[in-house]
Amino acid sequence: MEENREVLGRIKAHMERYHLAPYDESTHKGLIRHTLIRKGFQTGELMVCQVINGNQLPHSEELVKSLLEISGMTSISLNVNKEQTNVILGNKVENLFGPGYITDYIGSVQYRISPLSFYQVNPVQTKKLYETALEYAGLTGGETVWDLYCGIGTISLFLAQKAKKVYGVGNRSPGH
C-alpha cells in the first residue's frame, strides 16, 4: 500500500523532530512501539493508530496535522501498551481525529473497523473465500447459523444474506 511509506515517513520525522525513541522489547524502554495502518479498499478511508509505551504522545497535534495531509485520512488514534509483552495492541485507545473507525465493504456488506477490530487484510480474497463458504453452506433461508469467535462479525453478516438468523459470538480477551 503506497500510503504506508508516506505515513511511516511522517511518523519517523515526528520522532526525529521531538527526539522520541523507538521501543526496545529487551529493555522495555522507548516510546514508539508500532504503527497500525488500515485502509478501506472499497472506500479509500485510511486509519492510523500509533501504539506507544506511555500515556501520551508529545506534540500529537503536530503529528495529526501532518497525517491529515495524506489523502483519505479518516481516523487517527493512540493505543497505549505499557505491558512488557510482544502483544502489539493494548486495550486503551485514545481518539485523536475522526470517528475512531473507518468503513469498508466485503461484497455489499459494510463494516466499521476500529483499531482493535479484527478485520481481514485482503478484502478481495476474503470476498471470494466468504462466497465459497456461503455456497458450500447450501443455506436455503430457513437456517439458524452460529458464528463462534466471530470478531467484528465479517462472516456472520455475510452469511446473514442467506440464513433466517445468524448469531455471532465474539471472543475478546485482554491482549487479543
C-alpha atoms as a PDB file:
ATOM      1  CA  MET A   1       0.000   0.000   0.000  1.00  0.00           C
ATOM      2  CA  GLU A   2       1.629   3.213  -1.172  1.00  0.00           C
ATOM      3  CA  GLU A   3       0.229   5.205   1.768  1.00  0.00           C
ATOM      4  CA  ASN A   4       2.277   3.122   4.237  1.00  0.00           C
ATOM      5  CA  ARG A   5       5.534   4.731   3.166  1.00  0.00           C
ATOM      6  CA  GLU A   6       4.091   8.222   3.493  1.00  0.00           C
ATOM      7  CA  VAL A   7       2.541   7.546   6.932  1.00  0.00           C
ATOM      8  CA  LEU A   8       5.708   5.939   8.279  1.00  0.00           C
ATOM      9  CA  GLY A   9       7.871   8.729   6.864  1.00  0.00           C
ATOM     10  CA  ARG A  10       5.806  11.334   8.691  1.00  0.00           C
ATOM     11  CA  ILE A  11       5.922   9.361  11.946  1.00  0.00           C
ATOM     12  CA  LYS A  12       9.687   8.909  11.638  1.00  0.00           C
ATOM     13  CA  ALA A  13      10.094  12.662  11.013  1.00  0.00           C
ATOM     14  CA  HIS A  14       7.961  13.350  14.118  1.00  0.00           C
ATOM     15  CA  MET A  15      10.152  11.002  16.163  1.00  0.00           C
ATOM     16  CA  GLU A  16      13.339  12.716  14.956  1.00  0.00           C
ATOM     17  CA  ARG A  17      11.981  16.237  15.443  1.00  0.00           C
ATOM     18  CA  TYR A  18      10.915  15.599  19.047  1.00  0.00           C
ATOM     19  CA  HIS A  19      13.584  13.010  19.954  1.00  0.00           C
ATOM     20  CA  LEU A  20      11.108  10.188  20.561  1.00  0.00           C
ATOM     21  CA  ALA A  21      12.841   6.833  20.988  1.00  0.00           C
ATOM     22  CA  PRO A  22      11.608   3.627  19.360  1.00  0.00           C
ATOM     23  CA  TYR A  23      10.561   0.883  21.746  1.00  0.00           C
ATOM     24  CA  ASP A  24      13.160  -1.747  22.639  1.00  0.00           C
ATOM     25  CA  GLU A  25      11.481  -5.005  23.645  1.00  0.00           C
ATOM     26  CA  SER A  26      14.527  -6.311  25.529  1.00  0.00           C
ATOM     27  CA  THR A  27      14.896  -3.243  27.808  1.00  0.00           C
ATOM     28  CA  HIS A  28      11.204  -2.171  27.799  1.00  0.00           C
ATOM     29  CA  LYS A  29      12.339   1.399  27.086  1.00  0.00           C
ATOM     30  CA  GLY A  30      11.374   3.778  24.315  1.00  0.00           C
ATOM     31  CA  LEU A  31       8.010   5.308  23.450  1.00  0.00           C
ATOM     32  CA  ILE A  32       7.107   4.381  19.857  1.00  0.00           C
ATOM     33  CA  ARG A  33       6.133   0.701  19.685  1.00  0.00           C
ATOM     34  CA  HIS A  34       4.155   0.056  16.495  1.00  0.00           C
ATOM     35  CA  THR A  35       2.152   1.869  13.851  1.00  0.00           C
ATOM     36  CA  LEU A  36      -1.083   0.218  12.738  1.00  0.00           C
ATOM     37  CA  ILE A  37      -2.263   1.382   9.310  1.00  0.00           C
ATOM     38  CA  ARG A  38      -5.527   0.203   7.807  1.00  0.00           C
ATOM     39  CA  LYS A  39      -7.180   1.121   4.537  1.00  0.00           C
ATOM     40  CA  GLY A  40     -10.734   0.591   3.389  1.00  0.00           C
ATOM     41  CA  PHE A  41     -10.023  -0.846  -0.049  1.00  0.00           C
ATOM     42  CA  GLN A  42     -13.513  -0.028  -1.317  1.00  0.00           C
ATOM     43  CA  THR A  43     -13.865   3.344   0.433  1.00  0.00           C
ATOM     44  CA  GLY A  44     -10.268   4.615   0.325  1.00  0.00           C
ATOM     45  CA  GLU A  45     -10.509   5.586   4.006  1.00  0.00           C
ATOM     46  CA  LEU A  46      -7.253   5.444   5.988  1.00  0.00           C
ATOM     47  CA  MET A  47      -6.703   4.775   9.682  1.00  0.00           C
ATOM     48  CA  VAL A  48      -3.510   5.276  11.653  1.00  0.00           C
ATOM     49  CA  CYS A  49      -3.185   4.022  15.203  1.00  0.00           C
ATOM     50  CA  GLN A  50       0.139   4.756  16.900  1.00  0.00           C
ATOM     51  CA  VAL A  51       0.979   2.256  19.657  1.00  0.00           C
ATOM     52  CA  ILE A  52       3.011   3.822  22.460  1.00  0.00           C
ATOM     53  CA  ASN A  53       4.755   2.682  25.626  1.00  0.00           C
ATOM     54  CA  GLY A  54       3.389   5.594  27.655  1.00  0.00           C
ATOM     55  CA  ASN A  55       0.275   7.610  28.393  1.00  0.00           C
ATOM     56  CA  GLN A  56       0.710  10.344  25.803  1.00  0.00           C
ATOM     57  CA  LEU A  57       2.498  11.206  22.587  1.00  0.00           C
ATOM     58  CA  PRO A  58       4.382  14.523  22.795  1.00  0.00           C
ATOM     59  CA  HIS A  59       3.207  17.077  20.236  1.00  0.00           C
ATOM     60  CA  SER A  60       0.488  14.743  18.958  1.00  0.00           C
ATOM     61  CA  GLU A  61      -1.380  17.724  17.461  1.00  0.00           C
ATOM     62  CA  GLU A  62       1.511  18.317  15.047  1.00  0.00           C
ATOM     63  CA  LEU A  63       1.545  14.657  14.023  1.00  0.00           C
ATOM     64  CA  VAL A  64      -2.216  14.723  13.402  1.00  0.00           C
ATOM     65  CA  LYS A  65      -1.835  17.852  11.274  1.00  0.00           C
ATOM     66  CA  SER A  66       0.891  16.165   9.234  1.00  0.00           C
ATOM     67  CA  LEU A  67      -1.061  12.914   8.760  1.00  0.00           C
ATOM     68  CA  LEU A  68      -4.172  14.812   7.659  1.00  0.00           C
ATOM     69  CA  GLU A  69      -2.261  15.955   4.566  1.00  0.00           C
ATOM     70  CA  ILE A  70      -2.462  12.353   3.295  1.00  0.00           C
ATOM     71  CA  SER A  71      -5.431  11.718   1.023  1.00  0.00           C
ATOM     72  CA  GLY A  72      -8.126   9.543   2.587  1.00  0.00           C
ATOM     73  CA  MET A  73      -7.005  10.021   6.201  1.00  0.00           C
ATOM     74  CA  THR A  74     -10.164   9.375   8.232  1.00  0.00           C
ATOM     75  CA  SER A  75      -9.163   8.197  11.704  1.00  0.00           C
ATOM     76  CA  ILE A  76      -6.063   8.830  13.844  1.00  0.00           C
ATOM     77  CA  SER A  77      -5.649   7.361  17.314  1.00  0.00           C
ATOM     78  CA  LEU A  78      -3.191   6.344  20.013  1.00  0.00           C
ATOM     79  CA  ASN A  79      -3.077   2.917  21.591  1.00  0.00           C
ATOM     80  CA  VAL A  80      -1.436   2.571  24.995  1.00  0.00           C
ATOM     81  CA  ASN A  81       0.542  -0.617  25.556  1.00  0.00           C
ATOM     82  CA  LYS A  82       2.845  -0.338  28.572  1.00  0.00           C
ATOM     83  CA  GLU A  83       2.984  -4.077  29.180  1.00  0.00           C
ATOM     84  CA  GLN A  84       6.260  -5.956  28.881  1.00  0.00           C
ATOM     85  CA  THR A  85       4.982  -8.200  26.119  1.00  0.00           C
ATOM     86  CA  ASN A  86       5.282  -8.784  22.403  1.00  0.00           C
ATOM     87  CA  VAL A  87       1.493  -8.413  22.012  1.00  0.00           C
ATOM     88  CA  ILE A  88       1.070  -5.465  19.663  1.00  0.00           C
ATOM     89  CA  LEU A  89      -2.057  -3.664  20.920  1.00  0.00           C
ATOM     90  CA  GLY A  90      -3.046  -2.627  24.417  1.00  0.00           C
ATOM     91  CA  ASN A  91      -6.665  -2.198  25.484  1.00  0.00           C
ATOM     92  CA  LYS A  92      -6.749   1.629  25.789  1.00  0.00           C
ATOM     93  CA  VAL A  93      -7.396   3.667  22.632  1.00  0.00           C
ATOM     94  CA  GLU A  94      -7.403   7.473  22.577  1.00  0.00           C
ATOM     95  CA  ASN A  95      -9.046   9.029  19.555  1.00  0.00           C
ATOM     96  CA  LEU A  96      -7.057  11.981  18.162  1.00  0.00           C
ATOM     97  CA  PHE A  97      -9.034  12.668  14.967  1.00  0.00           C
ATOM     98  CA  GLY A  98     -12.118  11.395  13.206  1.00  0.00           C
ATOM     99  CA  PRO A  99     -14.837   8.971  14.230  1.00  0.00           C
ATOM    100  CA  GLY A 100     -12.499   6.324  15.671  1.00  0.00           C
ATOM    101  CA  TYR A 101     -13.117   3.895  12.825  1.00  0.00           C
ATOM    102  CA  ILE A 102     -13.050   3.514   9.062  1.00  0.00           C
ATOM    103  CA  THR A 103     -15.608   1.766   6.886  1.00  0.00           C
ATOM    104  CA  ASP A 104     -15.113  -0.851   4.216  1.00  0.00           C
ATOM    105  CA  TYR A 105     -17.136  -3.405   2.294  1.00  0.00           C
ATOM    106  CA  ILE A 106     -16.860  -7.113   1.696  1.00  0.00           C
ATOM    107  CA  GLY A 107     -19.325  -7.664  -1.105  1.00  0.00           C
ATOM    108  CA  SER A 108     -22.335  -5.490  -0.335  1.00  0.00           C
ATOM    109  CA  VAL A 109     -21.872  -5.655   3.450  1.00  0.00           C
ATOM    110  CA  GLN A 110     -20.436  -2.539   5.101  1.00  0.00           C
ATOM    111  CA  TYR A 111     -18.195  -2.823   8.181  1.00  0.00           C
ATOM    112  CA  ARG A 112     -16.968  -0.296  10.727  1.00  0.00           C
ATOM    113  CA  ILE A 113     -13.372  -1.103  11.603  1.00  0.00           C
ATOM    114  CA  SER A 114     -11.774   0.280  14.761  1.00  0.00           C
ATOM    115  CA  PRO A 115      -8.104  -0.091  15.755  1.00  0.00           C
ATOM    116  CA  LEU A 116      -8.977  -3.063  17.991  1.00  0.00           C
ATOM    117  CA  SER A 117     -11.159  -4.814  15.383  1.00  0.00           C
ATOM    118  CA  PHE A 118     -10.030  -7.998  13.729  1.00  0.00           C
ATOM    119  CA  TYR A 119     -10.507  -7.461  10.014  1.00  0.00           C
ATOM    120  CA  GLN A 120      -9.155  -9.402   7.065  1.00  0.00           C
ATOM    121  CA  VAL A 121      -6.192  -7.644   5.467  1.00  0.00           C
ATOM    122  CA  ASN A 122      -7.088  -8.715   1.915  1.00  0.00           C
ATOM    123  CA  PRO A 123     -10.792  -7.977   1.382  1.00  0.00           C
ATOM    124  CA  VAL A 124     -10.705  -9.012  -2.297  1.00  0.00           C
ATOM    125  CA  GLN A 125      -9.630 -12.571  -1.445  1.00  0.00           C
ATOM    126  CA  THR A 126     -11.845 -12.540   1.661  1.00  0.00           C
ATOM    127  CA  LYS A 127     -14.902 -11.884  -0.516  1.00  0.00           C
ATOM    128  CA  LYS A 128     -14.015 -14.902  -2.675  1.00  0.00           C
ATOM    129  CA  LEU A 129     -13.450 -17.053   0.409  1.00  0.00           C
ATOM    130  CA  TYR A 130     -16.745 -16.000   2.013  1.00  0.00           C
ATOM    131  CA  GLU A 131     -18.665 -16.514  -1.247  1.00  0.00           C
ATOM    132  CA  THR A 132     -17.228 -20.039  -1.436  1.00  0.00           C
ATOM    133  CA  ALA A 133     -18.167 -20.731   2.204  1.00  0.00           C
ATOM    134  CA  LEU A 134     -21.675 -19.381   1.563  1.00  0.00           C
ATOM    135  CA  GLU A 135     -22.031 -21.612  -1.490  1.00  0.00           C
ATOM    136  CA  TYR A 136     -20.782 -24.717   0.369  1.00  0.00           C
ATOM    137  CA  ALA A 137     -23.088 -23.987   3.326  1.00  0.00           C
ATOM    138  CA  GLY A 138     -26.029 -24.505   0.998  1.00  0.00           C
ATOM    139  CA  LEU A 139     -28.270 -22.204   3.012  1.00  0.00           C
ATOM    140  CA  THR A 140     -31.932 -22.213   1.996  1.00  0.00           C
ATOM    141  CA  GLY A 141     -33.116 -19.275   4.093  1.00  0.00           C
ATOM    142  CA  GLY A 142     -34.581 -21.234   6.985  1.00  0.00           C
ATOM    143  CA  GLU A 143     -31.414 -21.929   8.984  1.00  0.00           C
ATOM    144  CA  THR A 144     -30.107 -20.515  12.230  1.00  0.00           C
ATOM    145  CA  VAL A 145     -26.327 -20.085  11.995  1.00  0.00           C
ATOM    146  CA  TRP A 146     -23.891 -19.630  14.896  1.00  0.00           C
ATOM    147  CA  ASP A 147     -20.574 -17.920  14.164  1.00  0.00           C
ATOM    148  CA  LEU A 148     -18.294 -18.569  17.136  1.00  0.00           C
ATOM    149  CA  TYR A 149     -15.239 -16.346  17.808  1.00  0.00           C
ATOM    150  CA  CYS A 150     -16.620 -14.003  15.182  1.00  0.00           C
ATOM    151  CA  GLY A 151     -14.530 -10.878  15.818  1.00  0.00           C
ATOM    152  CA  ILE A 152     -16.448  -7.966  14.277  1.00  0.00           C
ATOM    153  CA  GLY A 153     -18.763 -10.388  12.500  1.00  0.00           C
ATOM    154  CA  THR A 154     -17.497 -10.315   8.927  1.00  0.00           C
ATOM    155  CA  ILE A 155     -18.575 -13.926   8.291  1.00  0.00           C
ATOM    156  CA  SER A 156     -21.772 -13.555  10.373  1.00  0.00           C
ATOM    157  CA  LEU A 157     -23.000 -10.604   8.339  1.00  0.00           C
ATOM    158  CA  PHE A 158     -22.029 -12.238   5.063  1.00  0.00           C
ATOM    159  CA  LEU A 159     -23.977 -15.440   5.943  1.00  0.00           C
ATOM    160  CA  ALA A 160     -26.952 -13.351   7.079  1.00  0.00           C
ATOM    161  CA  GLN A 161     -27.694 -12.703   3.406  1.00  0.00           C
ATOM    162  CA  LYS A 162     -28.983 -16.294   3.061  1.00  0.00           C
ATOM    163  CA  ALA A 163     -29.871 -17.550   6.573  1.00  0.00           C
ATOM    164  CA  LYS A 164     -33.009 -16.947   8.624  1.00  0.00           C
ATOM    165  CA  LYS A 165     -30.983 -15.959  11.724  1.00  0.00           C
ATOM    166  CA  VAL A 166     -27.296 -15.565  12.441  1.00  0.00           C
ATOM    167  CA  TYR A 167     -25.794 -15.268  15.920  1.00  0.00           C
ATOM    168  CA  GLY A 168     -22.235 -14.016  16.223  1.00  0.00           C
ATOM    169  CA  VAL A 169     -20.411 -14.772  19.460  1.00  0.00           C
ATOM    170  CA  GLY A 170     -17.176 -12.797  19.812  1.00  0.00           C
ATOM    171  CA  ASN A 171     -14.166 -13.500  21.974  1.00  0.00           C
ATOM    172  CA  ARG A 172     -12.035 -10.565  23.036  1.00  0.00           C
ATOM    173  CA  SER A 173      -9.731 -11.358  25.888  1.00  0.00           C
ATOM    174  CA  PRO A 174      -7.082  -8.872  27.088  1.00  0.00           C
ATOM    175  CA  GLY A 175      -4.204  -8.648  24.629  1.00  0.00           C
ATOM    176  CA  HIS A 176      -6.093 -10.357  21.795  1.00  0.00           C
END
